[in-house]
Amino acid sequence: MVPTPMSERSPDMSKRKATDIRQFLSKKRQETERDNARQLEKTDCIEGTENETQVTSSTSEMILDLEVGEGPPQTSHDSDVPDCWSKEQWRGWKERNPWLYVKDGCIGCSTCRDAKTLLLSDKRAGLHLSDEWINGTVRSNSKKTLAKKIYKHRQSTSHLRAIEIADLKQKKMLPNKIMESNAHLVHETTNSFRTAYTIAKERLSFKKMTPLLKLQELNGAAVGKVHRSDHSCAEIIEHISKEMKRKVISHIKAKNSRVSITIDESTVFGIAYLIVFIRCDVTGEGHVENFFLDLVELKEGTNADSIYKALRESLDEAGLDEKFLQQNLISVASDGASVLTGQKNGVITKLKQDFPRVKSIHCLAHRLELAVHDSLKTVSGCSQFEVFIMKLYSLFHQSHKNARLLHEAADELNIQMLKIGRVFTIRWVASSFNTIKAVWKSFPALAKHFKTESEESSRPDVERKKYKGLLKHLTNSGFLSDLSCMKDVLRELQVLSLKLQKRETTLVDSSRYIEQTIEVLQALKLQVGKSSRKAEQSISSGQFKGVNITVEKEGKINRPQFIQAVIDNLKRRLPSDDFVELLKPLEMSNWPKQREQLVLFGEPEVHKLAKLLGESPRQAIDEFRDFQLQGTLKGETLKKLVTASKTHLATSAECERGFSALNDTDTKSRNRLQSKSLSSLLFVDINGPPTELFDPAPFVMSWINSGHRLSTSWLTGRQAGEREPKHMWSIF
């Protein structure tokens, strides 16, 4: 029989064919429905399904999903969908079950994954979470099998409990629930947090976490089983640092406080870092403080563009966005390095381009160092004195034998030996004063050591002559005069340097300290200082601290000339800034004594300062008049001006202290720490309260709320075995 061509078939035949196909599909659908209903009844018996309504709805959804799953096999597979489904099929399953997630062609449950660490000690029947669903390793080549696994998991008790925990977490009720029902478990986690915090404050290695917790456990404290490793310690410290920074920045933004930034760049173990400090009123009560913000590794280089990019990224990450900085950033301080303060392409120049109201401050302590160096270059006799002190330094620092013999000579004379260091180098002027003081105090020990070694027959003739020359120069009246002159001048400069480096020092305070130091130095030109007076008396008597002094010639340093050079360079390097004049009227110590002169005093400065800070000039002047005539600071606008005047930084000494803390933290044995870990350690170390004042409870709650485990949880992975005891331990 010849088949009828398709073009010659009647419409009635096509309709009958379509009807037969629909009937066949309906019959197959009914058979599939009966088969799956029976399978789900068995599943529900195992899982303990509560009513038949759920079975019916689940069966209908399964049939629908299985129908969607029918189709030709996939020729190519996308890693973002399960192995046996297409993108359309996965999208349908995802819409009906939002908790599903895919990983490497397998599926998992995000709700159970997030809730695993929050089930705490609730070990009721049915609460065991499958590692396959948590880790996203559930897979099958059959659509039916995979669908059954999904429905079985969706109705399980553990999954329903995980949904409850997710709801509590979303409503921010989870920490309170945990605190109420698992107080003893939270207490153990609190002990772990306090231990990790102490490790950061004491600059200990992360590996000290394990022995410290074991010690506490031996002493009877409950510390749990989980957070005992160095990785846990690092993670806890990072969490504490992150929460502390978030709280500080939120307070600053809530109080709308004016901020100043201090930045500096340095290299530690071959890695360049940028350190950032903030000075502001954190509490909103007028108490201005410095706090460490961040330590950033300069991975792209140490040029101005790279440093500025790293600075802006650090500020943005901390929450100090451009809008806030436009309104509240008032100054930035640095040590004066060209890469930071360059007029054309420096970091601060770039910062001023984005924030025009920013005031740039060159660290006054560093400018003082430059003034001292300029003075030494001006007076010719200072170079010979510096050369002799450097000889002493190299003599006792390059030879342990010489250092030991010097200490023995000091012990025989009952003299406390001070360290002889470098002078007039890149270090602070206080370090130079300490070196001069060490030579002055150790004068008898040095003379005895030089004399003994110059007569020591076991030494070569060249070394004996060297010690003889050192002794001759040391006991010369000219050297003693130079030493006393340097000691008097450097003592005053050291006092000034230490005052400038104080955290509470403001620009107005700095200006007053500089003026006082200049007045003292001018008086030293006319009057002999304390050390110079002792030197003159010793030269007259021919003996200084029991050592015979040879009176041959005067000192190389012209004392009046040297002091005048220091005064001139202080005035040139540390001039009275016009901006400081704007701030002086805000302090009562600068007001005139006569009431007639007090009226209208400082109003132009207050008007200009208020305008610079974006405050109402008229309101500021009215409140300033009340402050002058009544003596009480009440106005809110004027309080903002006073707080802002304290916020301006005088030095970048805080960055130097920060790098000192970094050197103590990032030691040779820990130089593999990443910059993120170093920043967290420094934030806790520098900004955090002492251990006895630290309350870990809020940080434990945020730790739990972010999905971390408590210290008392089940242990995962292979556990370390106990150490094999030594036989001699038995006798102990």
Foldseek 3Di string as FASTA:
>chain_A
DDDDDPVPDDPVVVVVVVVVVVVVVVVVLVVLLVVVLVVVVVLCVVQVDDDCVVSVVLSVVLSVLVVVLDDDFDPDDDQQEAPSGDPVSRVVVCVVPVQWGAGRNFIAGNLCLLCVQVVFPPPDPQQDDDPCRNVRPHHDNDPSVVSVVVVSVCSTPNSVVSVVLVVCLVVVNSLVVCCVPPVVLLQLLQVLLLLLLVCLQVLHQLQVQQVVVVVVVVVPDRNFAAQRHSVSSLVSLLLVLLVVLLLQVVQCVVLLKAKEKEWDWDDDPRWIKIWIKIWIDRNNPLDIFIATQAIGTQPVDDAQVSVLVRVQVSCVVSPCHLVSCLQHYAEYEYQPDCCQPPCPRHNVNVVCVSRVNYHYAHAPQSLLLVLLVQLCVVQPLNVVLLVLLVVVLCVCPVDVVLVVQLVVLCVVVVFDAFHQDHASDSDGLLNNLSNLVRCQRSVRSLLVSLVVQLPDPVDDPVVNVVSVVSNQVSQELQSQLVSLLCNQLSVLSNVLSVQQLDRQDFPLNNVVSLVVSLVVLVVCLVPPDPSNVLSVVCVVVQHDPRHGHDYDDHHSGDNNSSSVSSSVSSCVSPPDDPLSVLLVLLDPVNADPDPVRRVVPSLVSQLVLCVSSVHDSVQLSVQSRCCSVVVDRDDPSVSSSNSVSSNDRNRSSVVVVLVVVLPSNCDPVNVVDDSSSSGSSSNSNRPNDDSVPDDCSVSSSVCVSVSHHGSHDDDDDDDDDDDDDDPVVVVD
